[in-house]
């Protein structure tokens, strides 16, 4: 999911956070007619990719449709990144099988 930059001069955002990305995901899924919840990943799932306690699976009903998390500082350092980074991924196709208050059609671009 890519969110457009605000109007005006383009500057990188330096306060990326798990909480902000979670709010964006909740908004997108709510807009598609689905309520979601989040289950924290344990240390075995993060595998030094995400910061412990700042990563979660995204659930719609009981189905895990994706994940999100703040990238671990060691990973940021390895790639020469100096600002916090948050990553998220969810499978929009899987929402077809989830119960929700709205329906949508997935089309090719």
C-alpha atoms as a PDB file:
ATOM      1  CA  UNK A   1       0.000   0.000   0.000  1.00  0.00           C
ATOM      2  CA  UNK A   2       1.441   3.350  -0.995  1.00  0.00           C
ATOM      3  CA  UNK A   3       0.041   6.546   0.440  1.00  0.00           C
ATOM      4  CA  UNK A   4       0.444   9.730  -1.600  1.00  0.00           C
ATOM      5  CA  UNK A   5       2.633  12.537  -0.298  1.00  0.00           C
ATOM      6  CA  UNK A   6       0.882  15.693   0.848  1.00  0.00           C
ATOM      7  CA  UNK A   7       0.746  18.630  -1.549  1.00  0.00           C
ATOM      8  CA  UNK A   8       3.753  20.893  -1.487  1.00  0.00           C
ATOM      9  CA  UNK A   9       7.499  20.260  -1.511  1.00  0.00           C
ATOM     10  CA  UNK A  10       8.308  16.575  -1.211  1.00  0.00           C
ATOM     11  CA  UNK A  11      10.173  15.708   1.981  1.00  0.00           C
ATOM     12  CA  UNK A  12      10.645  12.302   3.599  1.00  0.00           C
ATOM     13  CA  UNK A  13       8.570  11.642   6.680  1.00  0.00           C
ATOM     14  CA  UNK A  14      10.836  10.959   9.640  1.00  0.00           C
ATOM     15  CA  UNK A  15       8.294   9.622  12.136  1.00  0.00           C
ATOM     16  CA  UNK A  16       7.157   6.340  10.519  1.00  0.00           C
ATOM     17  CA  UNK A  17       5.528   4.178  13.144  1.00  0.00           C
ATOM     18  CA  UNK A  18       3.688   0.918  13.652  1.00  0.00           C
ATOM     19  CA  UNK A  19       0.722   2.816  15.099  1.00  0.00           C
ATOM     20  CA  UNK A  20       0.343   5.119  12.114  1.00  0.00           C
ATOM     21  CA  UNK A  21       0.548   2.262   9.594  1.00  0.00           C
ATOM     22  CA  UNK A  22      -1.979   0.289  11.633  1.00  0.00           C
ATOM     23  CA  UNK A  23      -4.386   3.229  11.440  1.00  0.00           C
ATOM     24  CA  UNK A  24      -3.956   3.466   7.657  1.00  0.00           C
ATOM     25  CA  UNK A  25      -4.622  -0.253   7.240  1.00  0.00           C
ATOM     26  CA  UNK A  26      -7.716  -0.071   9.455  1.00  0.00           C
ATOM     27  CA  UNK A  27      -8.998   2.807   7.323  1.00  0.00           C
ATOM     28  CA  UNK A  28      -8.403   1.030   4.016  1.00  0.00           C
ATOM     29  CA  UNK A  29     -10.060  -2.178   5.191  1.00  0.00           C
ATOM     30  CA  UNK A  30     -12.978  -0.295   6.771  1.00  0.00           C
ATOM     31  CA  UNK A  31     -13.423   1.513   3.444  1.00  0.00           C
ATOM     32  CA  UNK A  32     -13.676  -1.896   1.778  1.00  0.00           C
ATOM     33  CA  UNK A  33     -16.335  -2.952   4.297  1.00  0.00           C
ATOM     34  CA  UNK A  34     -14.170  -5.076   6.600  1.00  0.00           C
ATOM     35  CA  UNK A  35     -13.275  -4.713  10.252  1.00  0.00           C
ATOM     36  CA  UNK A  36      -9.850  -6.006  11.196  1.00  0.00           C
ATOM     37  CA  UNK A  37      -7.841  -6.890  14.259  1.00  0.00           C
ATOM     38  CA  UNK A  38      -4.157  -7.379  14.940  1.00  0.00           C
ATOM     39  CA  UNK A  39      -2.230 -10.161  16.695  1.00  0.00           C
ATOM     40  CA  UNK A  40       1.313  -9.426  17.822  1.00  0.00           C
ATOM     41  CA  UNK A  41       4.035 -11.508  16.182  1.00  0.00           C
ATOM     42  CA  UNK A  42       6.252 -13.478  18.529  1.00  0.00           C
ATOM     43  CA  UNK A  43      10.063 -13.408  18.347  1.00  0.00           C
ATOM     44  CA  UNK A  44      10.126 -16.501  16.135  1.00  0.00           C
ATOM     45  CA  UNK A  45       8.067 -14.740  13.469  1.00  0.00           C
ATOM     46  CA  UNK A  46       9.985 -11.486  13.394  1.00  0.00           C
ATOM     47  CA  UNK A  47      13.354 -13.179  12.655  1.00  0.00           C
ATOM     48  CA  UNK A  48      15.251  -9.922  13.239  1.00  0.00           C
ATOM     49  CA  UNK A  49      13.267  -8.197  10.478  1.00  0.00           C
ATOM     50  CA  UNK A  50      10.889  -6.308  12.747  1.00  0.00           C
ATOM     51  CA  UNK A  51      11.223  -4.713  16.169  1.00  0.00           C
ATOM     52  CA  UNK A  52       9.820  -7.036  18.852  1.00  0.00           C
ATOM     53  CA  UNK A  53       6.475  -5.710  20.056  1.00  0.00           C
ATOM     54  CA  UNK A  54       6.084  -3.465  16.986  1.00  0.00           C
ATOM     55  CA  UNK A  55       4.853  -6.072  14.475  1.00  0.00           C
ATOM     56  CA  UNK A  56       1.574  -7.894  14.006  1.00  0.00           C
ATOM     57  CA  UNK A  57      -0.490 -10.126  11.764  1.00  0.00           C
ATOM     58  CA  UNK A  58      -3.557  -8.475  10.213  1.00  0.00           C
ATOM     59  CA  UNK A  59      -6.752 -10.477  10.744  1.00  0.00           C
ATOM     60  CA  UNK A  60     -10.175 -10.149   9.147  1.00  0.00           C
ATOM     61  CA  UNK A  61     -12.426 -12.385  11.166  1.00  0.00           C
ATOM     62  CA  UNK A  62     -10.196 -15.340  12.010  1.00  0.00           C
ATOM     63  CA  UNK A  63      -8.223 -15.237   8.745  1.00  0.00           C
ATOM     64  CA  UNK A  64      -4.716 -13.763   8.653  1.00  0.00           C
ATOM     65  CA  UNK A  65      -4.547 -11.630   5.512  1.00  0.00           C
ATOM     66  CA  UNK A  66      -1.191  -9.932   6.042  1.00  0.00           C
ATOM     67  CA  UNK A  67       1.305  -8.344   8.402  1.00  0.00           C
ATOM     68  CA  UNK A  68       2.888  -5.049   9.371  1.00  0.00           C
ATOM     69  CA  UNK A  69       5.808  -3.936  11.464  1.00  0.00           C
ATOM     70  CA  UNK A  70       8.590  -1.463  12.164  1.00  0.00           C
ATOM     71  CA  UNK A  71      11.823  -2.569  10.527  1.00  0.00           C
ATOM     72  CA  UNK A  72      14.559  -3.586  12.987  1.00  0.00           C
ATOM     73  CA  UNK A  73      17.413  -1.038  13.398  1.00  0.00           C
ATOM     74  CA  UNK A  74      20.002  -3.657  12.334  1.00  0.00           C
ATOM     75  CA  UNK A  75      18.218  -4.019   8.982  1.00  0.00           C
ATOM     76  CA  UNK A  76      18.018  -0.249   8.556  1.00  0.00           C
ATOM     77  CA  UNK A  77      21.741   0.037   9.257  1.00  0.00           C
ATOM     78  CA  UNK A  78      22.564  -2.735   6.792  1.00  0.00           C
ATOM     79  CA  UNK A  79      20.825  -0.794   4.014  1.00  0.00           C
ATOM     80  CA  UNK A  80      22.139   2.599   5.108  1.00  0.00           C
ATOM     81  CA  UNK A  81      18.716   3.921   6.077  1.00  0.00           C
ATOM     82  CA  UNK A  82      18.778   6.674   8.660  1.00  0.00           C
ATOM     83  CA  UNK A  83      15.040   7.073   9.331  1.00  0.00           C
ATOM     84  CA  UNK A  84      12.454   4.637  10.745  1.00  0.00           C
ATOM     85  CA  UNK A  85      10.739   2.406   8.174  1.00  0.00           C
ATOM     86  CA  UNK A  86       7.432   0.563   8.484  1.00  0.00           C
ATOM     87  CA  UNK A  87       6.468  -2.283   6.156  1.00  0.00           C
ATOM     88  CA  UNK A  88       3.060  -3.795   5.550  1.00  0.00           C
ATOM     89  CA  UNK A  89       1.561  -6.317   3.192  1.00  0.00           C
ATOM     90  CA  UNK A  90      -1.917  -7.731   2.897  1.00  0.00           C
ATOM     91  CA  UNK A  91      -3.663  -9.897   0.331  1.00  0.00           C
ATOM     92  CA  UNK A  92      -6.673  -8.006  -0.973  1.00  0.00           C
ATOM     93  CA  UNK A  93      -7.799 -11.078  -2.942  1.00  0.00           C
ATOM     94  CA  UNK A  94      -8.256 -12.981   0.339  1.00  0.00           C
ATOM     95  CA  UNK A  95     -10.939 -10.485   1.367  1.00  0.00           C
ATOM     96  CA  UNK A  96     -13.287 -12.103  -1.144  1.00  0.00           C
ATOM     97  CA  UNK A  97     -13.566 -15.043   1.258  1.00  0.00           C
ATOM     98  CA  UNK A  98     -14.016 -12.933   4.405  1.00  0.00           C
ATOM     99  CA  UNK A  99     -17.370 -11.857   5.683  1.00  0.00           C
ATOM    100  CA  UNK A 100     -17.751  -8.111   5.616  1.00  0.00           C
ATOM    101  CA  UNK A 101     -20.399  -5.465   5.487  1.00  0.00           C
ATOM    102  CA  UNK A 102     -19.437  -4.469   1.953  1.00  0.00           C
ATOM    103  CA  UNK A 103     -18.595  -6.177  -1.300  1.00  0.00           C
ATOM    104  CA  UNK A 104     -16.083  -5.092  -3.905  1.00  0.00           C
ATOM    105  CA  UNK A 105     -14.767  -6.300  -7.213  1.00  0.00           C
ATOM    106  CA  UNK A 106     -11.052  -6.817  -7.810  1.00  0.00           C
ATOM    107  CA  UNK A 107     -10.052  -5.814 -11.322  1.00  0.00           C
ATOM    108  CA  UNK A 108      -6.747  -5.825 -13.155  1.00  0.00           C
ATOM    109  CA  UNK A 109      -4.975  -2.530 -13.749  1.00  0.00           C
END
